[in-house]
Structure formats: C-alpha cells, structure tokens
Amino acid sequence: MKRHFLSFTALLMGAVLWMACNSAPSETATEPGASASATAPSGQSGVQDNDSQKDVVKIAAGSADHSTLVKALQTAEYVDALSNAGPFTVFAPTNAAFDKLPAGTVADLLKPEKKDDLRNILEYHVYIGVLRPESFADGQTYGQANGNNITIAVKDGKTTVNGANIVASIPASNGIIHVIDAVLLPPAK
C-alpha cells in the first residue's frame, strides 16, 4: 500500500511539473529571439526608484548642462560604477566646460580606441569619499580615482579645484556633485 502511495505521489508531482513547464508563457516572457539582457537594463543603474534621493549619475542625467559628461560616462561604461553605493565626490564639468577644450577633443575621446584615455580623465574627476564644501581649505590635495592628485584653493570665499571654479554643490544619495566650469586634465605621465 505504501509503495502504491509513493508511486501515485511521484506521478502527481511529475504531472504538476510537466504542466508548469508547458503552461502558456507569462507576461514577463521575451519575444522569440530576444534576450533578457536586451529587454532589461542590468546593474545598479537599471534599478527603478522614483522616491529616494537620486544618485550622482541620475542627477547628472537629469541636468541639461551635463549631457556631454553623461555621454562620456556611458562611453566609458562607468554609469553602473557611479550608480553604486559609493560614497563618491564627483567634480562634474558642464557642457560649456567641455566646449572650452580644443576643437575635436571630445569627439576624439568618445572613440572606442580612446576609451582608456577617457576613463583616465573621468577618474580624475572622482574622489572616493564625500568632500563637503565646508570641508575645503586652501592648499588641500586629494587623491583621485585615477591615482593623481587635485588641489583645492579657497580665496575670497570662492573655491576652485585645479583652477576650475566650483559653481554649485549638489548632495546625492551616494555622495556629492561639485559642478565645475572647466574639465580637469590629469598630469601627463
């Protein structure tokens, strides 16, 4: 009797599994030939959250004055890295700051073969940690993500980083953004 019960249970479980595997596709199924990675963003940047404070990337992406920086972050594949918990201090050049570079520089840096150079420049704009405006003092130096240092100057109530003016500071969920009016170029190696 016990043997028949176990056989019946196994048969019933097999039928349930067969029905589950062969049921109609759910709403989340992708179109034939489409991959799941093509339909859903991956990484931290793909997390949808309209209630919490925005991270540094979402703040930059929402700013019309930072579209060049956002394009550079996308090209360098740094969107997910800067969407993570951090904390980060990002010195964010405006589009006008990028426009001050010699003609063709930005277009050249966005080429696939220049990805390492672009990453080096972007990393020079990122400090791992939070540097609040009230903590800046004249002559301070900070090591950036690319291994080079920046220098802060404070004179007459104005703060600069390597000579670029900090024109605004915006707190983010994973750090802080200091909007700057020039692109920081790392020292030549």
N, C-alpha and C. Protein backbone atom coordinates (compact mmCIF):
# COMPACT_ATOMS: atom_id res chain seq x y z
N MET A 1 0.82 -1.18 0.00
CA MET A 1 0.00 0.00 0.00
C MET A 1 0.87 1.25 0.00
N LYS A 2 1.91 1.21 0.82
CA LYS A 2 2.80 2.35 0.93
C LYS A 2 3.50 2.59 -0.42
N ARG A 3 3.83 1.49 -1.10
CA ARG A 3 4.51 1.58 -2.38
C ARG A 3 3.62 2.23 -3.42
N HIS A 4 2.33 1.90 -3.46
CA HIS A 4 1.39 2.50 -4.40
C HIS A 4 1.20 3.99 -4.12
N PHE A 5 1.18 4.34 -2.81
CA PHE A 5 1.02 5.75 -2.45
C PHE A 5 2.21 6.57 -2.94
N LEU A 6 3.44 6.05 -2.77
CA LEU A 6 4.64 6.75 -3.23
C LEU A 6 4.65 6.86 -4.76
N SER A 7 4.23 5.83 -5.45
CA SER A 7 4.17 5.87 -6.90
C SER A 7 3.16 6.91 -7.37
N PHE A 8 1.98 6.93 -6.70
CA PHE A 8 0.95 7.90 -7.06
C PHE A 8 1.46 9.33 -6.81
N THR A 9 2.16 9.55 -5.68
CA THR A 9 2.69 10.88 -5.34
C THR A 9 3.72 11.31 -6.37
N ALA A 10 4.59 10.40 -6.76
CA ALA A 10 5.61 10.71 -7.75
C ALA A 10 4.96 11.05 -9.09
N LEU A 11 3.94 10.29 -9.48
CA LEU A 11 3.22 10.53 -10.72
C LEU A 11 2.53 11.90 -10.68
N LEU A 12 1.90 12.23 -9.56
CA LEU A 12 1.21 13.51 -9.40
C LEU A 12 2.21 14.67 -9.48
N MET A 13 3.35 14.55 -8.82
CA MET A 13 4.37 15.60 -8.86
C MET A 13 4.91 15.78 -10.28
N GLY A 14 5.10 14.68 -10.97
CA GLY A 14 5.57 14.75 -12.35
C GLY A 14 4.57 15.47 -13.24
N ALA A 15 3.27 15.20 -13.04
CA ALA A 15 2.23 15.87 -13.82
C ALA A 15 2.22 17.37 -13.53
N VAL A 16 2.36 17.73 -12.26
CA VAL A 16 2.37 19.15 -11.89
C VAL A 16 3.56 19.85 -12.53
N LEU A 17 4.73 19.24 -12.46
CA LEU A 17 5.93 19.83 -13.08
C LEU A 17 5.77 19.96 -14.59
N TRP A 18 5.21 18.93 -15.22
CA TRP A 18 5.01 18.98 -16.66
C TRP A 18 4.09 20.13 -17.03
N MET A 19 3.00 20.29 -16.28
CA MET A 19 2.05 21.37 -16.56
C MET A 19 2.71 22.73 -16.33
N ALA A 20 3.52 22.86 -15.31
CA ALA A 20 4.18 24.14 -15.03
C ALA A 20 5.15 24.50 -16.14
N CYS A 21 5.87 23.52 -16.63
CA CYS A 21 6.85 23.78 -17.69
C CYS A 21 6.21 24.02 -19.04
N ASN A 22 5.03 23.47 -19.26
CA ASN A 22 4.39 23.59 -20.56
C ASN A 22 3.20 24.53 -20.56
N SER A 23 3.07 25.34 -19.54
CA SER A 23 1.94 26.27 -19.50
C SER A 23 2.19 27.42 -20.45
N ALA A 24 1.18 28.24 -20.65
CA ALA A 24 1.29 29.39 -21.55
C ALA A 24 2.33 30.35 -21.01
N PRO A 25 3.05 31.05 -21.90
CA PRO A 25 4.09 31.97 -21.43
C PRO A 25 3.48 33.08 -20.58
N SER A 26 4.25 33.52 -19.60
CA SER A 26 3.78 34.59 -18.72
C SER A 26 4.02 35.94 -19.38
N GLU A 27 3.53 36.99 -18.74
CA GLU A 27 3.68 38.35 -19.26
C GLU A 27 5.13 38.78 -19.32
N THR A 28 6.01 38.16 -18.53
CA THR A 28 7.40 38.58 -18.49
C THR A 28 8.26 37.90 -19.55
N ALA A 29 7.68 37.01 -20.32
CA ALA A 29 8.46 36.33 -21.35
C ALA A 29 8.87 37.32 -22.43
N THR A 30 10.03 37.09 -23.02
CA THR A 30 10.52 37.97 -24.07
C THR A 30 10.05 37.47 -25.42
N GLU A 31 10.11 38.31 -26.39
CA GLU A 31 9.74 37.92 -27.75
C GLU A 31 10.71 36.85 -28.24
N PRO A 32 10.27 35.99 -29.16
CA PRO A 32 11.18 34.98 -29.69
C PRO A 32 12.42 35.65 -30.28
N GLY A 33 13.58 35.12 -29.93
CA GLY A 33 14.84 35.66 -30.45
C GLY A 33 15.39 36.81 -29.62
N ALA A 34 14.61 37.38 -28.72
CA ALA A 34 15.10 38.48 -27.89
C ALA A 34 15.70 37.91 -26.62
N SER A 35 16.78 38.50 -26.19
CA SER A 35 17.39 38.02 -24.96
C SER A 35 16.92 38.87 -23.80
N ALA A 36 16.97 38.31 -22.61
CA ALA A 36 16.53 39.04 -21.42
C ALA A 36 17.40 40.26 -21.20
N SER A 37 18.71 40.17 -21.52
CA SER A 37 19.59 41.31 -21.29
C SER A 37 19.27 42.47 -22.23
N ALA A 38 18.67 42.19 -23.37
CA ALA A 38 18.32 43.26 -24.30
C ALA A 38 17.05 43.98 -23.86
N THR A 39 16.24 43.34 -23.03
CA THR A 39 14.97 43.95 -22.65
C THR A 39 15.01 44.63 -21.30
N ALA A 40 15.96 44.29 -20.44
CA ALA A 40 16.02 44.89 -19.12
C ALA A 40 17.43 45.40 -18.83
N PRO A 41 17.54 46.64 -18.33
CA PRO A 41 18.87 47.14 -18.00
C PRO A 41 19.47 46.33 -16.87
N SER A 42 20.78 46.17 -16.90
CA SER A 42 21.43 45.42 -15.84
C SER A 42 22.24 46.36 -14.98
N GLY A 43 22.67 45.88 -13.84
CA GLY A 43 23.49 46.68 -12.95
C GLY A 43 22.67 47.66 -12.13
N GLN A 44 23.36 48.39 -11.28
CA GLN A 44 22.71 49.31 -10.36
C GLN A 44 21.96 50.41 -11.10
N SER A 45 22.43 50.83 -12.26
CA SER A 45 21.76 51.91 -12.99
C SER A 45 20.38 51.51 -13.49
N GLY A 46 20.10 50.20 -13.55
CA GLY A 46 18.80 49.72 -14.01
C GLY A 46 17.73 49.69 -12.92
N VAL A 47 18.11 49.97 -11.68
CA VAL A 47 17.15 49.95 -10.58
C VAL A 47 16.22 51.16 -10.71
N GLN A 48 14.92 50.88 -10.70
CA GLN A 48 13.93 51.95 -10.80
C GLN A 48 13.50 52.37 -9.39
N ASP A 49 13.72 53.64 -9.06
CA ASP A 49 13.34 54.17 -7.75
C ASP A 49 13.09 55.66 -7.91
N ASN A 50 11.83 56.03 -7.93
CA ASN A 50 11.46 57.43 -8.10
C ASN A 50 11.21 58.15 -6.78
N ASP A 51 11.37 57.44 -5.65
CA ASP A 51 11.08 58.03 -4.36
C ASP A 51 12.32 58.48 -3.60
N SER A 52 13.41 57.74 -3.70
CA SER A 52 14.61 58.05 -2.96
C SER A 52 15.38 59.19 -3.61
N GLN A 53 16.32 59.75 -2.84
CA GLN A 53 17.20 60.77 -3.39
C GLN A 53 17.99 60.15 -4.55
N LYS A 54 18.23 60.91 -5.58
CA LYS A 54 18.92 60.40 -6.77
C LYS A 54 20.42 60.27 -6.52
N ASP A 55 21.04 59.28 -7.21
CA ASP A 55 22.48 59.11 -7.12
C ASP A 55 23.17 60.10 -8.06
N VAL A 56 24.50 60.13 -8.04
CA VAL A 56 25.24 61.12 -8.82
C VAL A 56 24.96 61.02 -10.32
N VAL A 57 24.80 59.80 -10.83
CA VAL A 57 24.54 59.63 -12.26
C VAL A 57 23.15 60.13 -12.63
N LYS A 58 22.16 59.81 -11.82
CA LYS A 58 20.79 60.25 -12.13
C LYS A 58 20.66 61.77 -12.05
N ILE A 59 21.39 62.39 -11.13
CA ILE A 59 21.38 63.85 -11.05
C ILE A 59 22.00 64.43 -12.31
N ALA A 60 23.15 63.91 -12.72
CA ALA A 60 23.81 64.41 -13.94
C ALA A 60 22.93 64.17 -15.17
N ALA A 61 22.31 63.00 -15.24
CA ALA A 61 21.46 62.68 -16.39
C ALA A 61 20.25 63.59 -16.47
N GLY A 62 19.81 64.09 -15.33
CA GLY A 62 18.66 65.00 -15.30
C GLY A 62 19.01 66.44 -15.56
N SER A 63 20.28 66.73 -15.76
CA SER A 63 20.74 68.10 -15.98
C SER A 63 21.07 68.33 -17.45
N ALA A 64 20.41 69.29 -18.06
CA ALA A 64 20.69 69.62 -19.46
C ALA A 64 22.12 70.14 -19.62
N ASP A 65 22.72 70.66 -18.56
CA ASP A 65 24.08 71.20 -18.61
C ASP A 65 25.16 70.13 -18.51
N HIS A 66 24.78 68.87 -18.34
CA HIS A 66 25.77 67.81 -18.17
C HIS A 66 25.62 66.66 -19.17
N SER A 67 25.00 66.92 -20.31
CA SER A 67 24.79 65.84 -21.29
C SER A 67 26.11 65.32 -21.86
N THR A 68 27.11 66.16 -22.00
CA THR A 68 28.41 65.69 -22.51
C THR A 68 29.06 64.77 -21.49
N LEU A 69 29.00 65.14 -20.22
CA LEU A 69 29.56 64.29 -19.16
C LEU A 69 28.84 62.94 -19.13
N VAL A 70 27.53 62.95 -19.22
CA VAL A 70 26.76 61.70 -19.20
C VAL A 70 27.13 60.82 -20.40
N LYS A 71 27.26 61.42 -21.57
CA LYS A 71 27.68 60.67 -22.77
C LYS A 71 29.06 60.04 -22.55
N ALA A 72 29.96 60.81 -21.93
CA ALA A 72 31.30 60.29 -21.66
C ALA A 72 31.24 59.13 -20.67
N LEU A 73 30.42 59.24 -19.63
CA LEU A 73 30.27 58.15 -18.67
C LEU A 73 29.70 56.90 -19.33
N GLN A 74 28.74 57.08 -20.24
CA GLN A 74 28.17 55.94 -20.96
C GLN A 74 29.22 55.28 -21.85
N THR A 75 29.98 56.10 -22.57
CA THR A 75 31.00 55.58 -23.48
C THR A 75 32.09 54.82 -22.72
N ALA A 76 32.46 55.35 -21.55
CA ALA A 76 33.50 54.71 -20.73
C ALA A 76 32.96 53.53 -19.92
N GLU A 77 31.66 53.30 -20.00
CA GLU A 77 30.98 52.22 -19.27
C GLU A 77 31.15 52.40 -17.76
N TYR A 78 30.94 53.64 -17.28
CA TYR A 78 31.05 53.96 -15.86
C TYR A 78 29.72 54.30 -15.21
N VAL A 79 28.62 54.18 -15.93
CA VAL A 79 27.32 54.52 -15.36
C VAL A 79 27.00 53.64 -14.16
N ASP A 80 27.17 52.32 -14.30
CA ASP A 80 26.87 51.42 -13.19
C ASP A 80 27.81 51.64 -12.02
N ALA A 81 29.09 51.85 -12.29
CA ALA A 81 30.06 52.06 -11.20
C ALA A 81 29.67 53.27 -10.35
N LEU A 82 29.29 54.36 -10.99
CA LEU A 82 28.94 55.58 -10.25
C LEU A 82 27.49 55.57 -9.75
N SER A 83 26.74 54.53 -10.08
CA SER A 83 25.38 54.38 -9.55
C SER A 83 25.39 53.55 -8.27
N ASN A 84 26.52 52.93 -7.97
CA ASN A 84 26.63 52.10 -6.77
C ASN A 84 26.66 52.95 -5.51
N ALA A 85 26.76 52.31 -4.37
CA ALA A 85 26.63 52.97 -3.07
C ALA A 85 27.65 54.06 -2.81
N GLY A 86 28.84 53.95 -3.38
CA GLY A 86 29.84 54.98 -3.13
C GLY A 86 30.42 54.85 -1.74
N PRO A 87 30.73 55.96 -1.10
CA PRO A 87 30.38 57.34 -1.47
C PRO A 87 31.38 57.92 -2.47
N PHE A 88 30.89 58.84 -3.30
CA PHE A 88 31.70 59.49 -4.33
C PHE A 88 31.59 61.00 -4.21
N THR A 89 32.67 61.67 -4.53
CA THR A 89 32.63 63.10 -4.80
C THR A 89 32.96 63.21 -6.28
N VAL A 90 32.04 63.80 -7.04
CA VAL A 90 32.24 63.95 -8.49
C VAL A 90 32.37 65.43 -8.80
N PHE A 91 33.49 65.80 -9.41
CA PHE A 91 33.66 67.16 -9.93
C PHE A 91 33.15 67.11 -11.36
N ALA A 92 31.96 67.68 -11.58
CA ALA A 92 31.21 67.50 -12.83
C ALA A 92 31.32 68.72 -13.74
N PRO A 93 32.12 68.61 -14.80
CA PRO A 93 32.21 69.73 -15.75
C PRO A 93 30.90 69.90 -16.52
N THR A 94 30.54 71.14 -16.77
CA THR A 94 29.35 71.45 -17.56
C THR A 94 29.66 71.24 -19.04
N ASN A 95 28.62 71.26 -19.87
CA ASN A 95 28.82 71.19 -21.32
C ASN A 95 29.71 72.35 -21.77
N ALA A 96 29.50 73.55 -21.20
CA ALA A 96 30.32 74.71 -21.56
C ALA A 96 31.79 74.47 -21.21
N ALA A 97 32.05 73.74 -20.14
CA ALA A 97 33.43 73.40 -19.77
C ALA A 97 34.06 72.51 -20.84
N PHE A 98 33.32 71.51 -21.30
CA PHE A 98 33.83 70.65 -22.37
C PHE A 98 34.04 71.44 -23.66
N ASP A 99 33.18 72.44 -23.90
CA ASP A 99 33.32 73.28 -25.10
C ASP A 99 34.60 74.09 -25.09
N LYS A 100 35.20 74.33 -23.93
CA LYS A 100 36.45 75.09 -23.83
C LYS A 100 37.66 74.28 -24.30
N LEU A 101 37.52 72.96 -24.39
CA LEU A 101 38.63 72.13 -24.86
C LEU A 101 38.87 72.40 -26.34
N PRO A 102 40.09 72.14 -26.82
CA PRO A 102 40.36 72.34 -28.25
C PRO A 102 39.35 71.58 -29.12
N ALA A 103 39.01 72.17 -30.25
CA ALA A 103 38.04 71.57 -31.18
C ALA A 103 38.41 70.12 -31.49
N GLY A 104 37.42 69.24 -31.44
CA GLY A 104 37.61 67.83 -31.78
C GLY A 104 38.05 66.96 -30.62
N THR A 105 38.41 67.55 -29.49
CA THR A 105 38.92 66.77 -28.36
C THR A 105 37.86 65.81 -27.83
N VAL A 106 36.66 66.31 -27.59
CA VAL A 106 35.60 65.46 -27.02
C VAL A 106 35.24 64.34 -28.00
N ALA A 107 35.05 64.70 -29.27
CA ALA A 107 34.71 63.68 -30.28
C ALA A 107 35.80 62.61 -30.35
N ASP A 108 37.05 63.02 -30.25
CA ASP A 108 38.16 62.08 -30.30
C ASP A 108 38.14 61.15 -29.08
N LEU A 109 37.87 61.71 -27.89
CA LEU A 109 37.84 60.90 -26.67
C LEU A 109 36.69 59.90 -26.64
N LEU A 110 35.64 60.17 -27.40
CA LEU A 110 34.49 59.27 -27.42
C LEU A 110 34.66 58.10 -28.39
N LYS A 111 35.79 58.05 -29.09
CA LYS A 111 36.08 56.93 -30.00
C LYS A 111 36.46 55.70 -29.18
N PRO A 112 36.06 54.50 -29.65
CA PRO A 112 36.36 53.27 -28.90
C PRO A 112 37.85 53.09 -28.59
N GLU A 113 38.71 53.47 -29.51
CA GLU A 113 40.15 53.27 -29.28
C GLU A 113 40.73 54.24 -28.24
N LYS A 114 39.96 55.23 -27.83
CA LYS A 114 40.40 56.21 -26.83
C LYS A 114 39.76 55.96 -25.46
N LYS A 115 39.14 54.81 -25.29
CA LYS A 115 38.41 54.51 -24.05
C LYS A 115 39.29 54.63 -22.81
N ASP A 116 40.53 54.15 -22.87
CA ASP A 116 41.42 54.23 -21.71
C ASP A 116 41.74 55.68 -21.35
N ASP A 117 41.97 56.52 -22.36
CA ASP A 117 42.23 57.94 -22.10
C ASP A 117 41.00 58.61 -21.49
N LEU A 118 39.83 58.30 -22.02
CA LEU A 118 38.58 58.85 -21.49
C LEU A 118 38.38 58.42 -20.04
N ARG A 119 38.61 57.15 -19.75
CA ARG A 119 38.46 56.66 -18.38
C ARG A 119 39.42 57.37 -17.43
N ASN A 120 40.64 57.59 -17.86
CA ASN A 120 41.63 58.29 -17.03
C ASN A 120 41.15 59.70 -16.68
N ILE A 121 40.62 60.40 -17.67
CA ILE A 121 40.11 61.76 -17.44
C ILE A 121 38.91 61.73 -16.51
N LEU A 122 37.98 60.83 -16.75
CA LEU A 122 36.79 60.74 -15.89
C LEU A 122 37.17 60.37 -14.45
N GLU A 123 38.09 59.43 -14.29
CA GLU A 123 38.53 59.03 -12.95
C GLU A 123 39.21 60.19 -12.22
N TYR A 124 39.80 61.12 -12.97
CA TYR A 124 40.44 62.28 -12.37
C TYR A 124 39.40 63.24 -11.79
N HIS A 125 38.16 63.06 -12.14
CA HIS A 125 37.06 63.88 -11.63
C HIS A 125 36.34 63.23 -10.45
N VAL A 126 36.81 62.06 -9.99
CA VAL A 126 36.11 61.31 -8.94
C VAL A 126 37.04 61.06 -7.75
N TYR A 127 36.52 61.41 -6.57
CA TYR A 127 37.18 61.11 -5.31
C TYR A 127 36.32 60.07 -4.60
N ILE A 128 36.95 59.05 -4.03
CA ILE A 128 36.21 58.03 -3.30
C ILE A 128 36.05 58.52 -1.86
N GLY A 129 34.84 58.96 -1.55
CA GLY A 129 34.52 59.56 -0.26
C GLY A 129 33.70 60.82 -0.53
N VAL A 130 33.28 61.48 0.53
CA VAL A 130 32.46 62.68 0.37
C VAL A 130 33.26 63.89 0.85
N LEU A 131 33.46 64.84 -0.05
CA LEU A 131 34.13 66.10 0.26
C LEU A 131 33.07 67.20 0.24
N ARG A 132 32.65 67.62 1.40
CA ARG A 132 31.63 68.66 1.50
C ARG A 132 32.26 70.03 1.33
N PRO A 133 31.52 70.99 0.79
CA PRO A 133 32.06 72.32 0.53
C PRO A 133 32.67 72.96 1.79
N GLU A 134 32.04 72.75 2.93
CA GLU A 134 32.54 73.37 4.16
C GLU A 134 33.85 72.74 4.65
N SER A 135 34.24 71.60 4.08
CA SER A 135 35.49 70.96 4.50
C SER A 135 36.69 71.40 3.66
N PHE A 136 36.45 72.15 2.59
CA PHE A 136 37.55 72.58 1.74
C PHE A 136 38.37 73.68 2.41
N ALA A 137 39.68 73.58 2.27
CA ALA A 137 40.60 74.61 2.77
C ALA A 137 41.68 74.84 1.71
N ASP A 138 42.18 76.03 1.69
CA ASP A 138 43.20 76.41 0.72
C ASP A 138 44.42 75.49 0.82
N GLY A 139 44.85 74.96 -0.32
CA GLY A 139 46.06 74.14 -0.39
C GLY A 139 45.85 72.65 -0.17
N GLN A 140 44.63 72.21 0.11
CA GLN A 140 44.39 70.78 0.30
C GLN A 140 44.62 70.03 -1.01
N THR A 141 45.12 68.82 -0.90
CA THR A 141 45.23 67.94 -2.06
C THR A 141 44.47 66.65 -1.76
N TYR A 142 43.88 66.10 -2.78
CA TYR A 142 43.12 64.86 -2.65
C TYR A 142 43.51 63.91 -3.77
N GLY A 143 43.68 62.64 -3.42
CA GLY A 143 43.96 61.60 -4.40
C GLY A 143 42.69 61.17 -5.10
N GLN A 144 42.72 61.23 -6.40
CA GLN A 144 41.54 60.89 -7.20
C GLN A 144 41.55 59.42 -7.59
N ALA A 145 40.45 58.97 -8.17
CA ALA A 145 40.29 57.55 -8.54
C ALA A 145 41.34 57.07 -9.53
N ASN A 146 41.93 57.97 -10.31
CA ASN A 146 42.95 57.55 -11.27
C ASN A 146 44.35 57.54 -10.67
N GLY A 147 44.48 57.91 -9.39
CA GLY A 147 45.78 57.89 -8.72
C GLY A 147 46.50 59.23 -8.70
N ASN A 148 46.00 60.22 -9.42
CA ASN A 148 46.60 61.55 -9.42
C ASN A 148 45.92 62.44 -8.38
N ASN A 149 46.58 63.53 -8.01
CA ASN A 149 46.04 64.45 -7.01
C ASN A 149 45.45 65.70 -7.66
N ILE A 150 44.45 66.25 -6.97
CA ILE A 150 43.90 67.56 -7.30
C ILE A 150 44.24 68.49 -6.14
N THR A 151 44.21 69.79 -6.41
CA THR A 151 44.49 70.77 -5.37
C THR A 151 43.33 71.74 -5.26
N ILE A 152 42.91 71.97 -4.03
CA ILE A 152 41.82 72.89 -3.73
C ILE A 152 42.43 74.25 -3.38
N ALA A 153 41.79 75.30 -3.87
CA ALA A 153 42.16 76.66 -3.48
C ALA A 153 40.90 77.36 -3.00
N VAL A 154 41.02 78.10 -1.90
CA VAL A 154 39.91 78.87 -1.37
C VAL A 154 40.41 80.30 -1.18
N LYS A 155 39.82 81.23 -1.94
CA LYS A 155 40.22 82.64 -1.88
C LYS A 155 38.99 83.51 -2.01
N ASP A 156 38.86 84.45 -1.12
CA ASP A 156 37.75 85.40 -1.14
C ASP A 156 36.39 84.70 -1.20
N GLY A 157 36.28 83.58 -0.50
CA GLY A 157 35.00 82.86 -0.44
C GLY A 157 34.70 82.00 -1.65
N LYS A 158 35.61 81.96 -2.61
CA LYS A 158 35.41 81.13 -3.81
C LYS A 158 36.35 79.93 -3.75
N THR A 159 35.82 78.79 -4.15
CA THR A 159 36.60 77.55 -4.12
C THR A 159 36.87 77.08 -5.55
N THR A 160 38.12 76.68 -5.79
CA THR A 160 38.48 76.12 -7.08
C THR A 160 39.16 74.77 -6.87
N VAL A 161 39.11 73.95 -7.89
CA VAL A 161 39.83 72.68 -7.92
C VAL A 161 40.69 72.71 -9.16
N ASN A 162 42.00 72.68 -8.98
CA ASN A 162 42.96 72.81 -10.09
C ASN A 162 42.64 74.01 -10.97
N GLY A 163 42.14 75.08 -10.38
CA GLY A 163 41.82 76.30 -11.12
C GLY A 163 40.40 76.37 -11.64
N ALA A 164 39.68 75.27 -11.67
CA ALA A 164 38.28 75.27 -12.12
C ALA A 164 37.40 75.73 -10.97
N ASN A 165 36.49 76.65 -11.25
CA ASN A 165 35.58 77.16 -10.22
C ASN A 165 34.51 76.14 -9.88
N ILE A 166 34.27 75.95 -8.60
CA ILE A 166 33.13 75.14 -8.15
C ILE A 166 31.95 76.09 -8.10
N VAL A 167 30.99 75.89 -9.00
CA VAL A 167 29.86 76.83 -9.13
C VAL A 167 28.61 76.37 -8.40
N ALA A 168 28.56 75.11 -8.02
CA ALA A 168 27.41 74.58 -7.26
C ALA A 168 27.82 73.25 -6.64
N SER A 169 27.16 72.89 -5.56
CA SER A 169 27.37 71.59 -4.91
C SER A 169 25.99 70.97 -4.67
N ILE A 170 25.84 69.71 -5.09
CA ILE A 170 24.55 69.03 -5.04
C ILE A 170 24.71 67.70 -4.31
N PRO A 171 24.04 67.54 -3.16
CA PRO A 171 24.11 66.25 -2.47
C PRO A 171 23.38 65.17 -3.25
N ALA A 172 23.89 63.95 -3.16
CA ALA A 172 23.29 62.81 -3.85
C ALA A 172 23.18 61.66 -2.85
N SER A 173 22.41 60.65 -3.22
CA SER A 173 22.23 59.50 -2.32
C SER A 173 23.54 58.75 -2.09
N ASN A 174 24.47 58.84 -3.03
CA ASN A 174 25.73 58.11 -2.91
C ASN A 174 26.94 59.05 -2.91
N GLY A 175 26.75 60.28 -2.49
CA GLY A 175 27.88 61.21 -2.41
C GLY A 175 27.47 62.64 -2.66
N ILE A 176 28.31 63.34 -3.41
CA ILE A 176 28.06 64.74 -3.70
C ILE A 176 28.65 65.09 -5.06
N ILE A 177 28.01 66.02 -5.74
CA ILE A 177 28.50 66.53 -7.02
C ILE A 177 28.90 67.99 -6.81
N HIS A 178 30.10 68.34 -7.28
CA HIS A 178 30.52 69.73 -7.32
C HIS A 178 30.58 70.10 -8.81
N VAL A 179 29.70 70.98 -9.23
CA VAL A 179 29.65 71.42 -10.62
C VAL A 179 30.84 72.37 -10.84
N ILE A 180 31.61 72.11 -11.90
CA ILE A 180 32.80 72.92 -12.19
C ILE A 180 32.73 73.49 -13.60
N ASP A 181 33.46 74.60 -13.81
CA ASP A 181 33.39 75.31 -15.10
C ASP A 181 34.55 74.99 -16.04
N ALA A 182 35.33 73.95 -15.73
CA ALA A 182 36.42 73.53 -16.62
C ALA A 182 36.62 72.02 -16.45
N VAL A 183 37.17 71.39 -17.47
CA VAL A 183 37.48 69.97 -17.42
C VAL A 183 38.85 69.82 -16.76
N LEU A 184 38.94 68.91 -15.80
CA LEU A 184 40.22 68.64 -15.14
C LEU A 184 41.01 67.65 -15.98
N LEU A 185 42.22 68.05 -16.37
CA LEU A 185 43.05 67.17 -17.18
C LEU A 185 44.18 66.61 -16.31
N PRO A 186 44.31 65.29 -16.26
CA PRO A 186 45.34 64.69 -15.42
C PRO A 186 46.73 65.10 -15.91
N PRO A 187 47.69 65.13 -14.99
CA PRO A 187 49.07 65.43 -15.41
C PRO A 187 49.57 64.38 -16.40
N ALA A 188 50.41 64.79 -17.31
CA ALA A 188 50.99 63.86 -18.29
C ALA A 188 51.85 62.85 -17.55
N LYS A 189 51.82 61.62 -18.02
CA LYS A 189 52.63 60.55 -17.38
C LYS A 189 54.00 60.49 -17.96
